[in-house]
């Protein structure tokens, strides 16, 4: 197991990580989208566009968006690729309620469906989708390797995986500023806005401990994926990973 799998949202809580993560996202669901915009200074829009552009080039018919959250990625993909259908899965009913409202508001309800499911054991049939996307969710998995094995199972031969994940910057000048921002400012603002005193402290801790770069692509390769690769975005604050199933 990787280091991040031993980091839980709530210290001293006897629930397993999956239950804690679900409870955390239920708690912060009302503030989640606002906090994403605020804490990334809007860069999350650029990262989303990079992901959507990657998926659009693949011309998929069916897409599964794991850890779909409030449906931001699922809706952006459905709006950008006419004719495709998107299925979003998440363990937080609070986040899914916002996702369903977003899809309805944008008139995408006929091409997007949302279900509450564990990303490590989706219950979906083998080889049932052309593309899998995951945005900012992998580091929250209780077992990242198992998550990738499940993705490999449900992806069709020739299908592609695209993962966006927050990561530590590699730029020498950005690193100290990033450390101050994530360790002190994000938790303080998160407590004020979301009302959850722990969620936005868990965020920088999980980013720091999560596998990144070659360590992340090694997990993809071990799960069976081919040509796993990555591209750092915004000085490495976010990373886009890609792989495919032969």
Protein backbone atom coordinates (compact mmCIF):
# COMPACT_ATOMS: atom_id res chain seq x y z
CA UNK A 1 0.00 0.00 0.00
CA UNK A 2 1.10 3.57 -0.63
CA UNK A 3 1.59 6.12 2.16
CA UNK A 4 -1.57 8.06 1.30
CA UNK A 5 -3.77 5.04 1.98
CA UNK A 6 -2.85 5.29 5.67
CA UNK A 7 -4.01 8.92 5.90
CA UNK A 8 -7.65 9.30 6.92
CA UNK A 9 -9.81 12.41 6.88
CA UNK A 10 -10.69 12.18 10.58
CA UNK A 11 -7.99 11.31 13.12
CA UNK A 12 -9.13 8.87 15.79
CA UNK A 13 -12.26 7.91 13.87
CA UNK A 14 -12.84 4.13 13.98
CA UNK A 15 -14.57 3.99 10.59
CA UNK A 16 -12.54 2.71 7.64
CA UNK A 17 -11.16 5.15 5.09
CA UNK A 18 -13.97 4.64 2.58
CA UNK A 19 -16.60 5.53 5.17
CA UNK A 20 -14.61 8.54 6.37
CA UNK A 21 -14.11 9.84 2.83
CA UNK A 22 -17.83 9.48 2.09
CA UNK A 23 -18.71 11.34 5.29
CA UNK A 24 -16.18 14.08 4.53
CA UNK A 25 -17.55 14.72 1.05
CA UNK A 26 -21.13 14.64 2.30
CA UNK A 27 -20.14 17.35 4.78
CA UNK A 28 -18.34 19.63 2.31
CA UNK A 29 -20.61 19.07 -0.72
CA UNK A 30 -22.36 22.46 -0.43
CA UNK A 31 -19.01 24.32 -0.49
CA UNK A 32 -17.03 21.96 -2.72
CA UNK A 33 -17.28 23.76 -6.08
CA UNK A 34 -16.64 27.17 -4.54
CA UNK A 35 -13.59 25.88 -2.68
CA UNK A 36 -12.21 24.28 -5.84
CA UNK A 37 -12.39 27.58 -7.71
CA UNK A 38 -11.01 29.57 -4.81
CA UNK A 39 -8.15 27.37 -3.70
CA UNK A 40 -6.85 26.83 -7.26
CA UNK A 41 -7.38 30.49 -8.30
CA UNK A 42 -9.45 29.17 -11.18
CA UNK A 43 -6.70 26.91 -12.52
CA UNK A 44 -9.02 23.93 -12.11
CA UNK A 45 -10.82 25.23 -15.24
CA UNK A 46 -7.61 24.92 -17.25
CA UNK A 47 -7.00 21.43 -15.90
CA UNK A 48 -10.56 20.41 -16.73
CA UNK A 49 -10.14 21.68 -20.29
CA UNK A 50 -6.95 19.62 -20.64
CA UNK A 51 -8.81 16.50 -19.53
CA UNK A 52 -11.81 17.14 -21.78
CA UNK A 53 -9.53 17.80 -24.77
CA UNK A 54 -7.76 14.49 -24.14
CA UNK A 55 -11.03 12.57 -23.98
CA UNK A 56 -12.55 14.33 -26.98
CA UNK A 57 -9.66 13.21 -29.20
CA UNK A 58 -10.58 9.60 -28.41
CA UNK A 59 -14.14 9.95 -29.80
CA UNK A 60 -15.67 7.67 -27.15
CA UNK A 61 -19.26 6.50 -27.17
CA UNK A 62 -19.46 5.53 -23.49
CA UNK A 63 -17.53 7.06 -20.61
CA UNK A 64 -17.40 6.26 -16.91
CA UNK A 65 -16.34 9.08 -14.61
CA UNK A 66 -15.21 7.61 -11.29
CA UNK A 67 -15.22 9.69 -8.10
CA UNK A 68 -17.49 11.99 -10.10
CA UNK A 69 -18.23 14.28 -7.13
CA UNK A 70 -20.49 17.16 -8.14
CA UNK A 71 -20.46 16.05 -11.77
CA UNK A 72 -18.18 18.81 -13.03
CA UNK A 73 -16.12 16.51 -15.25
CA UNK A 74 -19.07 14.39 -16.37
CA UNK A 75 -21.06 17.44 -17.47
CA UNK A 76 -18.09 19.09 -19.18
CA UNK A 77 -17.39 15.93 -21.18
CA UNK A 78 -21.03 15.38 -22.15
CA UNK A 79 -21.35 19.01 -23.26
CA UNK A 80 -18.14 18.84 -25.29
CA UNK A 81 -18.72 15.49 -27.02
CA UNK A 82 -22.21 15.30 -28.56
CA UNK A 83 -23.62 11.79 -28.70
CA UNK A 84 -21.52 10.33 -25.92
CA UNK A 85 -23.07 8.99 -22.72
CA UNK A 86 -21.45 9.43 -19.33
CA UNK A 87 -21.99 7.43 -16.18
CA UNK A 88 -20.73 9.05 -12.97
CA UNK A 89 -19.99 6.99 -9.84
CA UNK A 90 -19.21 8.27 -6.36
CA UNK A 91 -19.51 7.09 -2.76
CA UNK A 92 -20.96 10.39 -1.50
CA UNK A 93 -24.71 10.87 -1.88
CA UNK A 94 -24.26 14.51 -0.91
CA UNK A 95 -21.98 15.11 -3.87
CA UNK A 96 -24.20 13.09 -6.21
CA UNK A 97 -27.22 15.23 -5.33
CA UNK A 98 -25.31 18.26 -6.60
CA UNK A 99 -24.18 16.33 -9.69
CA UNK A 100 -27.75 15.41 -10.64
CA UNK A 101 -28.91 18.99 -10.16
CA UNK A 102 -26.03 20.26 -12.32
CA UNK A 103 -26.81 17.83 -15.15
CA UNK A 104 -30.50 18.75 -15.09
CA UNK A 105 -29.74 22.46 -15.04
CA UNK A 106 -27.47 22.11 -18.08
CA UNK A 107 -29.98 19.99 -19.99
CA UNK A 108 -27.71 16.94 -20.00
CA UNK A 109 -29.85 14.60 -17.94
CA UNK A 110 -30.66 12.32 -20.88
CA UNK A 111 -26.98 11.53 -21.51
CA UNK A 112 -25.63 11.42 -17.96
CA UNK A 113 -26.52 9.09 -15.11
CA UNK A 114 -25.15 9.09 -11.58
CA UNK A 115 -24.92 6.20 -9.14
CA UNK A 116 -23.60 5.70 -5.63
CA UNK A 117 -20.87 3.07 -5.83
CA UNK A 118 -17.45 2.15 -4.50
CA UNK A 119 -14.79 2.90 -7.12
CA UNK A 120 -12.85 -0.16 -5.94
CA UNK A 121 -15.81 -2.48 -6.56
CA UNK A 122 -18.18 -0.78 -8.98
CA UNK A 123 -20.43 -3.76 -9.65
CA UNK A 124 -20.26 -2.95 -13.37
CA UNK A 125 -19.78 -5.67 -16.01
CA UNK A 126 -16.38 -6.44 -17.50
CA UNK A 127 -15.28 -4.36 -20.51
CA UNK A 128 -18.28 -2.01 -20.42
CA UNK A 129 -16.80 1.39 -21.33
CA UNK A 130 -14.55 3.10 -23.86
CA UNK A 131 -12.98 5.65 -21.52
CA UNK A 132 -12.59 6.06 -17.77
CA UNK A 133 -11.90 9.43 -16.20
CA UNK A 134 -11.02 10.25 -12.60
CA UNK A 135 -10.44 13.78 -11.34
CA UNK A 136 -8.91 14.39 -7.90
CA UNK A 137 -10.22 11.09 -6.61
CA UNK A 138 -7.45 8.49 -6.80
CA UNK A 139 -5.59 9.71 -3.71
CA UNK A 140 -8.79 9.18 -1.69
CA UNK A 141 -9.01 5.49 -2.55
CA UNK A 142 -8.51 3.10 0.35
CA UNK A 143 -6.44 0.92 -2.03
CA UNK A 144 -5.12 2.67 -5.14
CA UNK A 145 -3.79 -0.51 -6.75
CA UNK A 146 -7.19 -2.18 -6.34
CA UNK A 147 -8.82 0.90 -7.86
CA UNK A 148 -6.68 0.64 -10.98
CA UNK A 149 -7.35 -3.09 -11.26
CA UNK A 150 -11.08 -2.35 -11.18
CA UNK A 151 -10.66 0.31 -13.87
CA UNK A 152 -8.75 -2.15 -16.03
CA UNK A 153 -11.50 -4.74 -15.59
CA UNK A 154 -14.37 -2.49 -16.70
CA UNK A 155 -12.47 -0.85 -19.57
CA UNK A 156 -12.86 -2.33 -23.05
CA UNK A 157 -9.80 -3.52 -24.99
CA UNK A 158 -8.46 -0.47 -26.81
CA UNK A 159 -10.03 1.79 -24.18
CA UNK A 160 -8.28 4.66 -22.44
CA UNK A 161 -7.83 5.91 -18.90
CA UNK A 162 -7.38 9.61 -18.07
CA UNK A 163 -6.66 10.72 -14.51
CA UNK A 164 -6.29 14.23 -13.12
CA UNK A 165 -4.70 14.38 -9.70
CA UNK A 166 -3.35 17.13 -7.49
CA UNK A 167 0.37 16.83 -6.92
CA UNK A 168 3.37 18.59 -5.45
CA UNK A 169 4.98 21.27 -7.63
CA UNK A 170 8.42 20.58 -9.05
CA UNK A 171 9.46 24.20 -9.61
CA UNK A 172 12.07 25.33 -7.05
CA UNK A 173 10.50 28.76 -6.58
CA UNK A 174 6.92 27.52 -6.42
CA UNK A 175 7.53 24.81 -3.80
CA UNK A 176 7.85 27.03 -0.67
CA UNK A 177 4.87 29.19 -1.63
CA UNK A 178 2.80 26.10 -2.31
CA UNK A 179 3.77 24.61 1.06
CA UNK A 180 2.64 27.71 2.96
CA UNK A 181 -0.55 27.97 0.95
CA UNK A 182 -1.62 24.34 1.34
CA UNK A 183 -0.54 23.88 4.95
CA UNK A 184 -1.97 27.07 6.38
CA UNK A 185 -4.26 29.07 4.12
CA UNK A 186 -6.35 26.29 2.58
CA UNK A 187 -7.21 24.64 5.94
CA UNK A 188 -8.10 28.01 7.47
CA UNK A 189 -10.37 29.06 4.61
CA UNK A 190 -11.80 25.55 4.33
CA UNK A 191 -12.86 25.57 7.97
CA UNK A 192 -14.61 28.91 7.54
CA UNK A 193 -16.39 28.09 4.29
CA UNK A 194 -17.21 24.40 4.61
CA UNK A 195 -17.66 24.15 8.36
CA UNK A 196 -15.57 20.97 8.40
CA UNK A 197 -12.54 21.50 10.60
CA UNK A 198 -10.63 18.53 9.22
CA UNK A 199 -11.43 18.12 5.51
CA UNK A 200 -9.13 20.82 4.20
CA UNK A 201 -6.28 19.72 6.45
CA UNK A 202 -6.62 16.23 5.01
CA UNK A 203 -6.28 17.72 1.51
CA UNK A 204 -2.61 18.84 1.69
CA UNK A 205 -1.68 15.77 3.73
CA UNK A 206 -3.13 13.44 1.10
CA UNK A 207 -1.49 15.34 -1.76
CA UNK A 208 1.92 15.18 -0.08
CA UNK A 209 1.63 11.44 0.55
CA UNK A 210 0.04 10.39 -2.75
CA UNK A 211 2.08 8.65 -5.45
CA UNK A 212 2.95 11.00 -8.29
CA UNK A 213 4.74 10.95 -11.61
CA UNK A 214 6.51 7.66 -12.26
CA UNK A 215 5.21 6.19 -9.01
CA UNK A 216 1.64 6.69 -10.18
CA UNK A 217 2.23 5.35 -13.68
CA UNK A 218 3.94 2.29 -12.14
CA UNK A 219 0.67 1.49 -10.34
CA UNK A 220 -1.21 1.77 -13.62
CA UNK A 221 1.26 -0.52 -15.36
CA UNK A 222 1.08 -3.07 -12.53
CA UNK A 223 -2.72 -3.15 -12.98
CA UNK A 224 -2.27 -4.13 -16.63
CA UNK A 225 -2.37 -0.78 -18.44
CA UNK A 226 -0.04 -0.02 -21.33
CA UNK A 227 1.90 3.14 -22.20
CA UNK A 228 1.16 4.84 -18.89
CA UNK A 229 2.45 8.39 -19.00
CA UNK A 230 1.98 11.76 -17.34
CA UNK A 231 2.07 15.48 -18.05
CA UNK A 232 2.60 18.04 -15.31
CA UNK A 233 0.28 21.06 -15.37
CA UNK A 234 0.79 24.46 -13.72
CA UNK A 235 4.35 23.77 -12.47
CA UNK A 236 3.29 20.33 -11.28
CA UNK A 237 0.47 21.44 -8.98
CA UNK A 238 -1.74 19.09 -10.99
CA UNK A 239 -0.81 16.10 -13.14
CA UNK A 240 -2.65 14.50 -16.05
CA UNK A 241 -2.06 10.74 -16.37
CA UNK A 242 -2.99 8.62 -19.37
CA UNK A 243 -2.88 4.92 -20.19
CA UNK A 244 -4.75 2.41 -22.32
CA UNK A 245 -5.85 -1.21 -22.29
CA UNK A 246 -4.55 -3.41 -25.09
